[in-house]
Amino acid sequence: MQVGNDLEILKSLNKAYVDSVQNSDVGWFEQHLSPDFLNSNPDGTLVERAGFLAQIAKPQTIKGLEPREVNIRMLGEVAVIHAKTVYTKPDAQPGTGRYTDIWQKRDGRWVCIAAHVTRS
């Protein structure tokens, strides 16, 4: 396994994931989520891949979503990404959150298999 190369790939995927949330880019997620993907939403609901894609398709009400304090842990063919987010709420107030994304290398490519998101 090429850990260095995989780490760079995961850094790029993490940035693209956040950008794709901000831009409601369903196409990116269709390519990078596993068929069995699950997401824990900030309101505590758990949605499968189709439900997540429907959520992503709606225009975002937050602006300036950026990842901070990104921590990527490689665990063989699995990687766990923890990070903080900063953004601007619809009322122009600053917001923060955290997310955890779990990626797995399947058939030679990284796919996101699960995510957990909080916002404050």
Protein backbone atom coordinates (compact mmCIF):
# COMPACT_ATOMS: atom_id res chain seq x y z
CA MET A 1 0.00 0.00 0.00
CA GLN A 2 1.25 3.48 -0.85
CA VAL A 3 0.33 5.36 2.32
CA GLY A 4 1.81 8.69 1.18
CA ASN A 5 -0.09 8.68 -2.09
CA ASP A 6 -3.29 7.53 -0.37
CA LEU A 7 -2.98 10.34 2.17
CA GLU A 8 -2.70 12.92 -0.61
CA ILE A 9 -5.71 11.39 -2.37
CA LEU A 10 -7.74 11.52 0.85
CA LYS A 11 -6.76 15.15 1.47
CA SER A 12 -8.02 16.01 -2.00
CA LEU A 13 -11.21 13.97 -1.57
CA ASN A 14 -11.89 15.64 1.78
CA LYS A 15 -11.62 19.13 0.26
CA ALA A 16 -13.77 18.12 -2.70
CA TYR A 17 -16.38 16.61 -0.35
CA VAL A 18 -16.76 19.88 1.56
CA ASP A 19 -16.81 21.94 -1.64
CA SER A 20 -19.44 19.62 -3.08
CA VAL A 21 -21.65 20.06 0.00
CA GLN A 22 -21.40 23.86 -0.35
CA ASN A 23 -22.15 23.72 -4.09
CA SER A 24 -24.91 21.05 -3.95
CA ASP A 25 -22.83 18.91 -6.34
CA VAL A 26 -24.83 15.68 -6.41
CA GLY A 27 -22.75 14.35 -9.31
CA TRP A 28 -19.57 14.37 -7.24
CA PHE A 29 -21.28 12.43 -4.47
CA GLU A 30 -22.77 9.92 -6.92
CA GLN A 31 -19.19 9.09 -7.94
CA HIS A 32 -17.64 9.00 -4.46
CA LEU A 33 -20.21 7.48 -2.08
CA SER A 34 -20.42 3.73 -1.61
CA PRO A 35 -23.77 2.07 -2.37
CA ASP A 36 -24.13 1.31 1.37
CA PHE A 37 -23.28 4.87 2.51
CA LEU A 38 -24.97 6.19 5.68
CA ASN A 39 -25.00 9.73 7.05
CA SER A 40 -25.86 10.96 10.55
CA ASN A 41 -27.38 14.43 10.17
CA PRO A 42 -26.99 17.32 12.62
CA ASP A 43 -30.61 16.76 13.73
CA GLY A 44 -29.84 13.16 14.71
CA THR A 45 -31.50 11.45 11.76
CA LEU A 46 -29.73 8.69 9.86
CA VAL A 47 -30.12 8.67 6.09
CA GLU A 48 -29.05 6.21 3.43
CA ARG A 49 -27.27 7.20 0.22
CA ALA A 50 -30.45 8.21 -1.67
CA GLY A 51 -31.66 10.39 1.19
CA PHE A 52 -28.26 12.06 1.48
CA LEU A 53 -28.18 12.78 -2.27
CA ALA A 54 -31.66 14.34 -2.00
CA GLN A 55 -30.42 16.56 0.84
CA ILE A 56 -27.34 17.60 -1.15
CA ALA A 57 -29.48 18.51 -4.17
CA LYS A 58 -31.16 21.31 -2.21
CA PRO A 59 -29.34 24.65 -2.34
CA GLN A 60 -27.32 25.29 0.81
CA THR A 61 -28.47 28.02 3.17
CA ILE A 62 -25.01 28.37 4.70
CA LYS A 63 -22.14 30.13 2.96
CA GLY A 64 -18.36 29.93 3.04
CA LEU A 65 -18.18 26.33 4.27
CA GLU A 66 -14.54 25.46 4.96
CA PRO A 67 -12.79 22.55 6.66
CA ARG A 68 -10.33 23.26 9.47
CA GLU A 69 -8.23 21.12 11.81
CA VAL A 70 -8.38 18.16 9.41
CA ASN A 71 -7.08 14.93 10.93
CA ILE A 72 -6.78 11.92 8.61
CA ARG A 73 -6.07 8.54 10.18
CA MET A 74 -5.08 5.71 7.88
CA LEU A 75 -6.11 2.28 9.14
CA GLY A 76 -5.08 -0.01 6.31
CA GLU A 77 -7.85 0.00 3.71
CA VAL A 78 -9.96 2.31 5.88
CA ALA A 79 -9.44 5.98 6.68
CA VAL A 80 -11.19 8.14 9.25
CA ILE A 81 -11.29 11.90 8.72
CA HIS A 82 -12.18 14.22 11.60
CA ALA A 83 -12.45 17.96 11.02
CA LYS A 84 -14.00 21.19 12.15
CA THR A 85 -16.05 23.36 9.81
CA VAL A 86 -16.58 27.10 9.75
CA TYR A 87 -19.32 28.81 7.78
CA THR A 88 -21.77 31.70 7.77
CA LYS A 89 -25.37 31.00 8.80
CA PRO A 90 -28.33 32.43 6.84
CA ASP A 91 -28.64 35.21 9.45
CA ALA A 92 -24.99 36.20 8.72
CA GLN A 93 -23.80 34.88 12.09
CA PRO A 94 -20.70 32.65 12.17
CA GLY A 95 -21.26 28.95 12.57
CA THR A 96 -19.06 25.98 13.36
CA GLY A 97 -19.43 22.26 13.28
CA ARG A 98 -17.58 18.98 13.18
CA TYR A 99 -17.66 16.01 10.88
CA THR A 100 -16.31 12.52 10.73
CA ASP A 101 -16.09 10.77 7.37
CA ILE A 102 -15.13 7.13 6.96
CA TRP A 103 -13.52 6.09 3.70
CA GLN A 104 -12.72 2.60 2.47
CA LYS A 105 -10.51 1.53 -0.40
CA ARG A 106 -12.63 -0.71 -2.60
CA ASP A 107 -11.37 -2.13 -5.88
CA GLY A 108 -8.40 0.23 -5.75
CA ARG A 109 -10.31 3.47 -5.16
CA TRP A 110 -11.42 5.35 -2.07
CA VAL A 111 -15.18 5.65 -1.46
CA CYS A 112 -16.93 7.29 1.46
CA ILE A 113 -18.93 4.70 3.39
CA ALA A 114 -20.23 6.83 6.29
CA ALA A 115 -20.38 10.36 7.64
CA HIS A 116 -21.47 12.12 10.82
CA VAL A 117 -22.12 15.87 10.90
CA THR A 118 -22.76 18.36 13.71
CA ARG A 119 -23.41 22.09 13.44
CA SER A 120 -23.74 24.84 16.01
